[in-house]
Amino acid sequence: MLTITPVINSNGEIAQAVETPMGTALALLGFDFITKLTEKSAKGGKALGLGTFKLFNTDNIIDNYDKASNLWVYLYNKTDGFPHRWEKVPSFLNAKCEATASAIIARASNTIDPAVLATSKDGLTIERSGVFNVPGQYAGITYNWPAGQGTGAFDSVCVSLVNLEKLQDNSAITSDANRQPVFAGTMVHTDTAQILAKSCCYVRNGVSGVTDENTILIKRSGISGVYAYNLATGEETRYTGDYAGYFSPWGQAQYVIDSVLYGITSGDTTTESSASNAFGLFSYNLTTKTPVTGSLTSYTLTESTRFLKVGTDLYLQVKEDRSYTEVDSYYTPMYCLITKSTLAVTTTALTLTVPAYLLAHWNISSNDDGTFMLHDWKALISYKFTDLANIFPTISEPFFVGCGQELAIGSGATVEKMFMSALAQGFYQSSGAADTLMKNTSYAVMKYMLLNGSIGPIIAYGAYSKTYTKGAETILTTDIYTQIARDTGV
């Protein structure tokens, strides 16, 4: 067995860092490319969003054309005794991704000219030193903080795929190309259609008489039949049950209330397929096995369509963000109450106050446990919260899942959170022509994915055995490298 372990060397100490789930996914990406290329199929392969860290251009030529954003390293002081939170972000970030600037002592990314260092905390990337210059199974980078830079005491370190201090700042996002989503998941389906095309639809897990707690039903465009997909194992089998209701577009919420399944549909059933972006509501009585639909022409499915459950009430988002630049009230989402017996949308709207920095670029979804998710649709970061009347103060955790819909699988103490998401950015194995190896920023090919909530922007973190202090006149050099070590255990 091979294990890949980030190691940080600072002031003579080798600090064994903890590799995060994102670090593990990144370490396996290359091998996943090779195996999926052999299979010539994207389905089942890994799909990673690496922020705006780009390696290949649209012609698949090695060209790191985004010079402004690469790996970041931070030397900082841990908070509450821990160098991390949820293994996803360092402890100087809170649940809202707000940074405690005073905790950060030194940082560095890809600056090579001392004359352009932005602040007194910033360092340089320099020629790789030591073990990197000899043959071996290593990869790494060397950072340097000259005299006057990175001054202070620190006890922790982390390596990130993005600038962590700007996670919450979406003011510079004016197009898809400016987004910096960080995610890792397994592809369920890809299609060459645009983002709103209906190429994958589903029925949720835990629907009595239809699916168990770990299984969803999937129907793909261009592939006959319906498949049962086990969320815990990834196994697919042909569905042979008698479900007679409707399917929802991938990632759109479905809820069971009083033995009735409710959801959004474009008209897909086990026997009928629809590529329409027009949608309406449906219900399916699990006792009588009777399906009902509302009008399929009332609304148009967009990226930010959301179906919300509050207690036993249902709401539909009827005003949607369709622009990254418009901030007019027309683009501000509105959630209107649904009359469940008729599936009619009323004019009774939820009153919501979201953080001002989101402007019009947000939406909200519900989780099975009664919590909610606030989605920053520009930055593609989601925040779990508990109180619709008091959103920002009740945020408890960030999720880097591309505004995906949560599904809870398992039961009791073993419940896991899975997210259904559709994203265009990130590294993945292309299913296109034979000479197309991989792509990282394609807005024509969608990836329908399953992700979990453990993924975040840091790939490694660690705490030193003691607090180090860099004086104003001293020079600090830090090596960060990844080493492939052979595990001789059974």
Protein backbone atom coordinates (compact mmCIF):
# COMPACT_ATOMS: atom_id res chain seq x y z
CA MET A 1 0.00 0.00 0.00
CA LEU A 2 1.24 3.48 -0.83
CA THR A 3 0.44 6.40 1.39
CA ILE A 4 1.04 10.02 0.45
CA THR A 5 1.80 12.27 3.40
CA PRO A 6 2.46 16.02 3.40
CA VAL A 7 5.40 16.95 5.62
CA ILE A 8 6.29 20.48 6.68
CA ASN A 9 9.86 21.40 7.63
CA SER A 10 10.30 24.64 9.57
CA ASN A 11 13.14 25.85 11.80
CA GLY A 12 14.64 22.38 11.82
CA GLU A 13 11.49 20.57 12.94
CA ILE A 14 9.76 18.01 10.77
CA ALA A 15 6.09 18.50 11.54
CA GLN A 16 4.03 15.55 10.38
CA ALA A 17 0.91 17.14 8.95
CA VAL A 18 -2.56 15.67 8.79
CA GLU A 19 -3.72 15.02 5.27
CA THR A 20 -7.32 16.16 4.80
CA PRO A 21 -9.95 14.30 2.76
CA MET A 22 -9.31 16.85 -0.01
CA GLY A 23 -5.59 16.07 0.18
CA THR A 24 -6.30 12.37 -0.20
CA ALA A 25 -8.63 12.97 -3.15
CA LEU A 26 -5.99 15.16 -4.79
CA ALA A 27 -3.30 12.52 -4.25
CA LEU A 28 -5.44 9.93 -6.03
CA LEU A 29 -6.48 12.17 -8.93
CA GLY A 30 -3.65 11.21 -11.29
CA PHE A 31 -4.19 7.49 -10.90
CA ASP A 32 -7.93 8.01 -11.30
CA PHE A 33 -7.26 9.77 -14.62
CA ILE A 34 -5.27 6.77 -15.84
CA THR A 35 -7.86 4.20 -14.85
CA LYS A 36 -10.77 6.16 -16.28
CA LEU A 37 -8.86 6.83 -19.49
CA THR A 38 -8.40 3.06 -19.85
CA GLU A 39 -12.11 2.62 -19.27
CA LYS A 40 -12.88 5.58 -21.57
CA SER A 41 -15.74 6.58 -19.30
CA ALA A 42 -16.17 9.53 -16.99
CA LYS A 43 -18.94 7.93 -14.92
CA GLY A 44 -17.58 6.82 -11.57
CA GLY A 45 -14.44 8.90 -11.94
CA LYS A 46 -13.31 11.61 -9.57
CA ALA A 47 -14.16 15.23 -10.26
CA LEU A 48 -12.22 17.84 -8.32
CA GLY A 49 -12.59 21.59 -8.15
CA LEU A 50 -9.20 23.04 -7.30
CA GLY A 51 -10.19 26.65 -6.86
CA THR A 52 -8.77 28.75 -9.67
CA PHE A 53 -5.66 26.58 -9.74
CA LYS A 54 -5.52 25.66 -13.42
CA LEU A 55 -3.09 23.33 -15.11
CA PHE A 56 -4.44 22.78 -18.62
CA ASN A 57 -5.92 25.21 -21.10
CA THR A 58 -8.90 24.44 -23.33
CA ASP A 59 -6.66 22.63 -25.83
CA ASN A 60 -5.31 20.39 -23.05
CA ILE A 61 -1.86 21.94 -23.28
CA ILE A 62 0.12 22.29 -20.06
CA ASP A 63 -0.25 25.99 -19.45
CA ASN A 64 -0.75 27.38 -15.98
CA TYR A 65 -2.37 30.50 -17.35
CA ASP A 66 -3.95 31.58 -14.08
CA LYS A 67 -0.84 33.02 -12.45
CA ALA A 68 -2.76 34.84 -9.72
CA SER A 69 -3.97 31.87 -7.69
CA ASN A 70 -1.98 28.79 -6.77
CA LEU A 71 -1.20 26.92 -3.55
CA TRP A 72 -1.19 28.97 -0.36
CA VAL A 73 0.64 28.21 2.88
CA TYR A 74 -0.21 29.84 6.21
CA LEU A 75 1.76 29.94 9.47
CA TYR A 76 -0.67 30.85 12.25
CA ASN A 77 -1.75 30.37 15.85
CA LYS A 78 -4.37 27.72 16.45
CA THR A 79 -7.72 28.66 17.96
CA ASP A 80 -9.47 26.79 20.79
CA GLY A 81 -6.51 24.42 20.96
CA PHE A 82 -6.96 23.06 17.43
CA PRO A 83 -5.24 23.96 14.15
CA HIS A 84 -8.38 23.15 12.14
CA ARG A 85 -12.16 23.17 12.10
CA TRP A 86 -14.02 20.16 10.68
CA GLU A 87 -10.78 19.20 8.82
CA LYS A 88 -12.02 21.57 6.09
CA VAL A 89 -10.67 24.97 7.09
CA PRO A 90 -7.94 26.20 9.48
CA SER A 91 -9.03 27.41 12.90
CA PHE A 92 -8.51 31.07 11.97
CA LEU A 93 -11.70 30.74 9.88
CA ASN A 94 -15.09 30.49 11.56
CA ALA A 95 -18.28 28.83 10.30
CA LYS A 96 -19.04 31.86 8.14
CA CYS A 97 -15.53 31.68 6.58
CA GLU A 98 -14.58 34.94 8.26
CA ALA A 99 -10.83 35.12 8.96
CA THR A 100 -9.27 36.21 12.25
CA ALA A 101 -6.44 38.19 10.67
CA SER A 102 -4.49 38.54 13.91
CA ALA A 103 -4.01 34.76 14.10
CA ILE A 104 -2.17 34.67 10.74
CA ILE A 105 1.54 35.41 11.18
CA ALA A 106 2.90 34.53 7.75
CA ARG A 107 1.56 33.40 4.39
CA ALA A 108 2.87 32.80 0.89
CA SER A 109 1.64 31.76 -2.53
CA ASN A 110 3.47 32.35 -5.80
CA THR A 111 5.20 35.73 -5.43
CA ILE A 112 8.86 35.63 -6.51
CA ASP A 113 9.80 39.33 -6.40
CA PRO A 114 10.44 40.88 -2.95
CA ALA A 115 9.56 44.29 -4.36
CA VAL A 116 5.92 43.32 -4.89
CA LEU A 117 5.13 41.67 -1.55
CA ALA A 118 1.73 43.06 -0.64
CA THR A 119 1.91 43.11 3.17
CA SER A 120 4.38 42.41 5.97
CA LYS A 121 2.90 38.90 6.35
CA ASP A 122 3.69 37.78 2.80
CA GLY A 123 6.58 35.58 1.75
CA LEU A 124 8.23 34.37 -1.45
CA THR A 125 8.45 31.16 -3.41
CA ILE A 126 12.08 30.31 -4.10
CA GLU A 127 14.04 27.54 -5.76
CA ARG A 128 13.29 24.17 -4.24
CA SER A 129 15.96 23.18 -1.76
CA GLY A 130 17.35 20.07 -0.10
CA VAL A 131 15.69 16.77 -0.79
CA PHE A 132 13.73 18.12 -3.76
CA ASN A 133 16.85 18.36 -5.87
CA VAL A 134 17.77 14.68 -5.59
CA PRO A 135 16.04 11.74 -7.27
CA GLY A 136 13.15 10.37 -5.27
CA GLN A 137 9.41 10.13 -4.90
CA TYR A 138 8.87 13.69 -3.76
CA ALA A 139 7.06 16.83 -4.83
CA GLY A 140 7.22 20.12 -3.02
CA ILE A 141 7.91 23.81 -2.82
CA THR A 142 10.15 26.09 -0.74
CA TYR A 143 8.93 29.35 0.77
CA ASN A 144 10.99 32.18 2.23
CA TRP A 145 10.14 35.10 4.50
CA PRO A 146 12.99 37.68 4.39
CA ALA A 147 13.87 40.01 7.24
CA GLY A 148 10.85 42.14 8.15
CA GLN A 149 8.36 39.67 6.62
CA GLY A 150 6.24 37.20 8.55
CA THR A 151 7.35 38.47 11.93
CA GLY A 152 5.80 36.97 15.06
CA ALA A 153 5.03 33.75 16.95
CA PHE A 154 3.18 30.83 15.37
CA ASP A 155 2.37 27.22 16.28
CA SER A 156 0.41 25.82 13.30
CA VAL A 157 0.57 25.48 9.53
CA CYS A 158 -1.79 24.63 6.69
CA VAL A 159 -1.67 24.32 2.90
CA SER A 160 -4.67 25.56 0.91
CA LEU A 161 -5.88 25.44 -2.68
CA VAL A 162 -7.18 29.02 -2.48
CA ASN A 163 -6.63 32.30 -0.67
CA LEU A 164 -8.51 31.53 2.53
CA GLU A 165 -8.86 35.16 3.56
CA LYS A 166 -10.93 35.88 0.46
CA LEU A 167 -13.31 32.94 0.61
CA GLN A 168 -16.23 35.12 1.68
CA ASP A 169 -15.44 37.91 -0.78
CA ASN A 170 -17.40 37.36 -3.99
CA SER A 171 -17.22 40.97 -5.21
CA ALA A 172 -14.71 40.12 -7.96
CA ILE A 173 -16.80 37.27 -9.39
CA THR A 174 -18.27 38.48 -12.66
CA SER A 175 -18.38 35.20 -14.61
CA ASP A 176 -17.96 31.45 -14.24
CA ALA A 177 -14.26 31.88 -14.92
CA ASN A 178 -13.86 33.98 -11.76
CA ARG A 179 -15.39 31.41 -9.45
CA GLN A 180 -13.08 29.33 -7.29
CA PRO A 181 -15.13 26.32 -6.19
CA VAL A 182 -13.40 23.69 -4.08
CA PHE A 183 -15.02 20.26 -4.21
CA ALA A 184 -14.28 16.57 -4.65
CA GLY A 185 -16.77 13.91 -5.60
CA THR A 186 -17.72 10.96 -7.77
CA MET A 187 -19.33 11.52 -11.13
CA VAL A 188 -22.70 9.88 -11.59
CA HIS A 189 -23.21 11.16 -15.13
CA THR A 190 -21.79 13.64 -17.63
CA ASP A 191 -23.40 15.09 -20.70
CA THR A 192 -22.32 17.46 -23.45
CA ALA A 193 -25.42 19.61 -22.98
CA GLN A 194 -25.38 22.92 -21.16
CA ILE A 195 -25.93 23.31 -17.43
CA LEU A 196 -29.71 23.55 -17.55
CA ALA A 197 -30.22 20.58 -19.87
CA LYS A 198 -32.11 17.68 -18.38
CA SER A 199 -29.65 14.82 -18.69
CA CYS A 200 -29.99 13.16 -15.29
CA CYS A 201 -32.97 12.86 -12.95
CA TYR A 202 -33.66 10.92 -9.78
CA VAL A 203 -35.94 9.80 -6.95
CA ARG A 204 -34.54 10.35 -3.47
CA ASN A 205 -33.57 7.83 -0.80
CA GLY A 206 -35.73 6.79 2.14
CA VAL A 207 -39.04 6.74 0.23
CA SER A 208 -41.13 3.96 1.77
CA GLY A 209 -41.86 1.18 -0.71
CA VAL A 210 -39.62 2.76 -3.36
CA THR A 211 -36.06 3.24 -2.03
CA ASP A 212 -34.21 2.40 1.17
CA GLU A 213 -32.16 4.88 3.24
CA ASN A 214 -29.02 4.36 1.12
CA THR A 215 -30.51 4.11 -2.37
CA ILE A 216 -31.69 6.58 -5.00
CA LEU A 217 -33.21 5.89 -8.40
CA ILE A 218 -31.40 7.37 -11.40
CA LYS A 219 -32.53 7.90 -14.97
CA ARG A 220 -30.04 9.18 -17.56
CA SER A 221 -30.64 10.69 -20.97
CA GLY A 222 -29.59 8.38 -23.78
CA ILE A 223 -29.56 5.33 -21.50
CA SER A 224 -32.62 3.12 -21.31
CA GLY A 225 -34.08 1.99 -18.04
CA VAL A 226 -33.92 3.16 -14.44
CA TYR A 227 -31.10 2.23 -12.06
CA ALA A 228 -30.93 1.87 -8.29
CA TYR A 229 -27.77 3.62 -7.07
CA ASN A 230 -26.44 2.69 -3.63
CA LEU A 231 -25.05 5.87 -2.05
CA ALA A 232 -22.94 3.92 0.45
CA THR A 233 -21.25 1.53 -1.99
CA GLY A 234 -21.61 3.17 -5.41
CA GLU A 235 -23.14 -0.02 -6.80
CA GLU A 236 -25.79 0.27 -9.52
CA THR A 237 -28.41 -2.30 -10.34
CA ARG A 238 -31.33 -2.26 -12.76
CA TYR A 239 -34.50 -1.09 -10.99
CA THR A 240 -37.36 -3.56 -11.19
CA GLY A 241 -39.83 -1.97 -8.76
CA ASP A 242 -43.26 -0.49 -9.45
CA TYR A 243 -42.68 3.22 -8.77
CA ALA A 244 -45.24 5.09 -10.87
CA GLY A 245 -44.40 8.67 -9.96
CA TYR A 246 -42.18 11.40 -11.37
CA PHE A 247 -38.44 12.10 -11.30
CA SER A 248 -36.75 15.36 -10.32
CA PRO A 249 -33.81 17.06 -12.03
CA TRP A 250 -30.52 16.09 -10.39
CA GLY A 251 -29.94 18.00 -7.16
CA GLN A 252 -33.47 19.33 -6.76
CA ALA A 253 -34.98 18.56 -3.37
CA GLN A 254 -37.69 16.00 -2.67
CA TYR A 255 -39.55 15.57 0.64
CA VAL A 256 -41.86 12.98 2.18
CA ILE A 257 -44.66 14.51 4.29
CA ASP A 258 -47.52 12.37 5.69
CA SER A 259 -46.72 9.46 3.33
CA VAL A 260 -46.68 11.69 0.25
CA LEU A 261 -43.53 12.38 -1.82
CA TYR A 262 -43.25 15.96 -3.13
CA GLY A 263 -40.79 17.34 -5.65
CA ILE A 264 -40.04 19.30 -8.81
CA THR A 265 -40.28 17.62 -12.19
CA SER A 266 -40.00 18.33 -15.88
CA GLY A 267 -42.24 15.37 -16.63
CA ASP A 268 -39.78 12.48 -16.40
CA THR A 269 -41.16 9.08 -15.35
CA THR A 270 -39.80 5.55 -15.51
CA THR A 271 -40.99 5.37 -19.13
CA GLU A 272 -41.01 9.00 -20.30
CA SER A 273 -38.02 11.31 -20.77
CA SER A 274 -38.08 15.08 -21.04
CA ALA A 275 -35.33 17.48 -22.04
CA SER A 276 -37.51 20.46 -21.17
CA ASN A 277 -36.41 23.18 -18.75
CA ALA A 278 -40.05 23.92 -17.95
CA PHE A 279 -40.98 22.41 -14.61
CA GLY A 280 -43.78 22.08 -12.15
CA LEU A 281 -44.50 20.38 -8.86
CA PHE A 282 -45.49 16.77 -8.35
CA SER A 283 -46.77 14.60 -5.53
CA TYR A 284 -46.88 10.82 -5.19
CA ASN A 285 -49.09 9.14 -2.62
CA LEU A 286 -47.02 6.24 -1.27
CA THR A 287 -50.09 4.38 -0.04
CA THR A 288 -52.30 4.59 -3.13
CA LYS A 289 -49.34 4.96 -5.53
CA THR A 290 -51.10 7.87 -7.20
CA PRO A 291 -49.05 10.59 -8.96
CA VAL A 292 -50.24 14.18 -9.36
CA THR A 293 -48.56 17.05 -11.23
CA GLY A 294 -49.10 20.75 -11.42
CA SER A 295 -48.52 22.75 -14.58
CA LEU A 296 -45.16 22.07 -16.24
CA THR A 297 -45.09 25.46 -17.95
CA SER A 298 -45.32 27.82 -14.98
CA TYR A 299 -41.61 28.12 -14.31
CA THR A 300 -38.26 27.65 -16.00
CA LEU A 301 -35.58 25.54 -14.38
CA THR A 302 -32.42 27.58 -13.74
CA GLU A 303 -29.19 27.08 -11.82
CA SER A 304 -30.68 28.57 -8.69
CA THR A 305 -34.14 26.96 -8.58
CA ARG A 306 -34.84 25.74 -5.04
CA PHE A 307 -37.66 23.78 -3.37
CA LEU A 308 -37.86 24.41 0.38
CA LYS A 309 -39.43 22.57 3.33
CA VAL A 310 -40.18 24.44 6.57
CA GLY A 311 -41.77 22.16 9.13
CA THR A 312 -44.52 20.50 7.12
CA ASP A 313 -44.91 23.46 4.74
CA LEU A 314 -43.41 23.65 1.26
CA TYR A 315 -42.14 26.71 -0.57
CA LEU A 316 -40.98 27.25 -4.15
CA GLN A 317 -38.42 29.80 -5.23
CA VAL A 318 -40.22 31.93 -7.80
CA LYS A 319 -37.68 34.71 -8.37
CA GLU A 320 -34.20 33.59 -9.27
CA ASP A 321 -30.70 34.98 -9.70
CA ARG A 322 -29.99 34.93 -13.43
CA SER A 323 -27.01 37.24 -13.52
CA TYR A 324 -23.68 37.70 -11.78
CA THR A 325 -23.80 41.47 -12.21
CA GLU A 326 -27.43 42.52 -11.72
CA VAL A 327 -28.38 43.49 -8.17
CA ASP A 328 -31.90 44.78 -8.87
CA SER A 329 -34.64 43.41 -6.60
CA TYR A 330 -36.01 41.48 -9.57
CA TYR A 331 -33.12 39.06 -9.11
CA THR A 332 -33.64 38.59 -5.37
CA PRO A 333 -35.06 35.12 -4.62
CA MET A 334 -38.58 34.85 -3.24
CA TYR A 335 -40.03 31.71 -1.63
CA CYS A 336 -43.80 31.30 -1.91
CA LEU A 337 -46.01 28.86 0.00
CA ILE A 338 -47.40 25.83 -1.85
CA THR A 339 -50.91 24.49 -1.32
CA LYS A 340 -50.03 20.81 -1.07
CA SER A 341 -53.47 19.46 -2.00
CA THR A 342 -53.52 21.28 -5.35
CA LEU A 343 -49.78 21.98 -5.83
CA ALA A 344 -50.71 25.63 -6.44
CA VAL A 345 -48.17 28.32 -5.61
CA THR A 346 -49.64 31.07 -3.44
CA THR A 347 -48.51 34.66 -2.92
CA THR A 348 -47.60 34.03 0.74
CA ALA A 349 -43.84 34.55 0.90
CA LEU A 350 -41.17 33.82 3.49
CA THR A 351 -39.49 36.85 5.00
CA LEU A 352 -35.73 36.32 4.82
CA THR A 353 -32.78 38.54 5.70
CA VAL A 354 -29.48 37.28 4.31
CA PRO A 355 -25.96 38.74 4.67
CA ALA A 356 -25.66 41.98 2.72
CA TYR A 357 -22.51 40.90 0.88
CA LEU A 358 -24.49 38.23 -0.99
CA LEU A 359 -26.64 40.90 -2.70
CA ALA A 360 -28.99 38.95 -5.00
CA HIS A 361 -26.73 35.97 -5.49
CA TRP A 362 -28.05 33.45 -2.98
CA ASN A 363 -30.65 30.81 -2.37
CA ILE A 364 -31.76 28.50 0.41
CA SER A 365 -32.48 24.78 0.67
CA SER A 366 -33.66 22.45 3.44
CA ASN A 367 -32.06 19.43 5.09
CA ASP A 368 -33.87 16.39 6.43
CA ASP A 369 -32.82 17.16 10.01
CA GLY A 370 -34.68 20.50 10.01
CA THR A 371 -31.62 22.65 9.34
CA PHE A 372 -31.14 24.80 6.25
CA MET A 373 -28.39 25.69 3.78
CA LEU A 374 -27.60 29.21 2.64
CA HIS A 375 -25.94 29.01 -0.77
CA ASP A 376 -23.60 31.71 -2.03
CA TRP A 377 -24.29 31.11 -5.70
CA LYS A 378 -21.39 33.25 -6.90
CA ALA A 379 -18.68 31.69 -4.72
CA LEU A 380 -20.36 28.25 -4.72
CA ILE A 381 -20.01 27.90 -0.94
CA SER A 382 -22.88 26.70 1.26
CA TYR A 383 -23.48 27.45 4.94
CA LYS A 384 -25.57 25.32 7.28
CA PHE A 385 -27.82 27.31 9.63
CA THR A 386 -30.74 26.64 11.96
CA ASP A 387 -33.03 29.70 12.11
CA LEU A 388 -34.70 31.22 9.05
CA ALA A 389 -35.49 34.36 11.03
CA ASN A 390 -31.88 34.72 12.18
CA ILE A 391 -29.76 33.26 9.40
CA PHE A 392 -26.26 34.67 9.72
CA PRO A 393 -25.87 34.33 13.51
CA THR A 394 -27.00 30.69 13.41
CA ILE A 395 -24.56 29.47 10.74
CA SER A 396 -22.77 26.42 12.16
CA GLU A 397 -20.59 25.03 9.36
CA PRO A 398 -19.43 25.79 5.80
CA PHE A 399 -19.77 23.22 3.01
CA PHE A 400 -17.84 23.24 -0.26
CA VAL A 401 -20.34 21.30 -2.33
CA GLY A 402 -21.26 23.64 -5.16
CA CYS A 403 -24.65 24.53 -3.67
CA GLY A 404 -25.64 20.86 -3.70
CA GLN A 405 -28.75 19.34 -2.14
CA GLU A 406 -28.09 17.30 1.00
CA LEU A 407 -29.10 13.67 1.37
CA ALA A 408 -28.61 11.92 4.72
CA ILE A 409 -27.66 8.25 4.43
CA GLY A 410 -27.27 5.61 7.12
CA SER A 411 -28.95 5.82 10.51
CA GLY A 412 -28.20 6.57 14.15
CA ALA A 413 -24.57 7.38 14.90
CA THR A 414 -23.50 6.37 11.38
CA VAL A 415 -25.45 9.01 9.45
CA GLU A 416 -23.38 10.58 6.66
CA LYS A 417 -24.11 13.64 4.58
CA MET A 418 -24.04 13.34 0.81
CA PHE A 419 -24.66 16.22 -1.58
CA MET A 420 -26.00 16.09 -5.13
CA SER A 421 -24.37 18.75 -7.26
CA ALA A 422 -23.83 19.73 -10.88
CA LEU A 423 -20.75 21.77 -11.67
CA ALA A 424 -18.73 22.73 -14.73
CA GLN A 425 -15.44 23.75 -13.14
CA GLY A 426 -12.71 21.47 -11.89
CA PHE A 427 -10.42 18.66 -12.98
CA TYR A 428 -12.02 15.50 -14.35
CA GLN A 429 -11.50 12.76 -16.91
CA SER A 430 -13.12 13.75 -20.18
CA SER A 431 -15.43 11.30 -21.90
CA GLY A 432 -14.91 12.99 -25.25
CA ALA A 433 -12.59 12.14 -28.15
CA ALA A 434 -9.79 9.65 -27.63
CA ASP A 435 -7.13 12.38 -27.82
CA THR A 436 -8.87 14.47 -25.16
CA LEU A 437 -7.24 13.47 -21.91
CA MET A 438 -8.56 15.80 -19.28
CA LYS A 439 -10.10 19.21 -18.85
CA ASN A 440 -10.28 21.62 -15.99
CA THR A 441 -12.55 24.48 -17.04
CA SER A 442 -15.23 23.46 -19.49
CA TYR A 443 -18.57 25.24 -19.51
CA ALA A 444 -20.08 22.88 -22.06
CA VAL A 445 -19.74 19.60 -20.17
CA MET A 446 -21.65 19.16 -16.93
CA LYS A 447 -20.61 16.82 -14.15
CA TYR A 448 -23.44 15.36 -12.10
CA MET A 449 -21.78 14.33 -8.87
CA LEU A 450 -22.14 12.98 -5.39
CA LEU A 451 -20.01 14.81 -2.84
CA ASN A 452 -19.67 14.60 0.93
CA GLY A 453 -19.38 17.36 3.47
CA SER A 454 -15.80 16.62 4.57
CA ILE A 455 -14.15 18.37 1.64
CA GLY A 456 -12.65 21.84 2.00
CA PRO A 457 -9.89 24.02 0.57
CA ILE A 458 -7.03 22.86 2.81
CA ILE A 459 -5.11 19.75 1.77
CA ALA A 460 -2.98 19.47 4.93
CA TYR A 461 -2.71 21.03 8.36
CA GLY A 462 -0.58 20.49 11.45
CA ALA A 463 0.58 21.87 14.76
CA TYR A 464 4.25 22.24 15.72
CA SER A 465 5.53 20.79 18.99
CA LYS A 466 6.20 24.28 20.30
CA THR A 467 5.61 27.92 19.42
CA TYR A 468 8.20 29.41 17.08
CA THR A 469 8.99 33.10 16.92
CA LYS A 470 10.40 34.78 13.85
CA GLY A 471 12.17 38.01 14.72
CA ALA A 472 12.12 41.08 12.51
CA GLU A 473 15.76 40.57 11.51
CA THR A 474 15.64 36.82 10.91
CA ILE A 475 15.01 34.87 7.72
CA LEU A 476 12.65 31.91 7.69
CA THR A 477 12.65 29.21 5.03
CA THR A 478 10.01 26.50 4.99
CA ASP A 479 9.84 23.41 2.81
CA ILE A 480 6.46 21.85 2.12
CA TYR A 481 6.63 18.54 0.34
CA THR A 482 4.67 15.40 -0.34
CA GLN A 483 6.42 12.08 0.13
CA ILE A 484 5.33 8.68 -1.11
CA ALA A 485 6.02 6.15 1.63
CA ARG A 486 5.53 2.40 1.40
CA ASP A 487 3.41 0.87 4.12
CA THR A 488 4.82 -2.58 4.86
CA GLY A 489 1.92 -3.53 7.11
CA VAL A 490 -0.68 -6.06 6.10
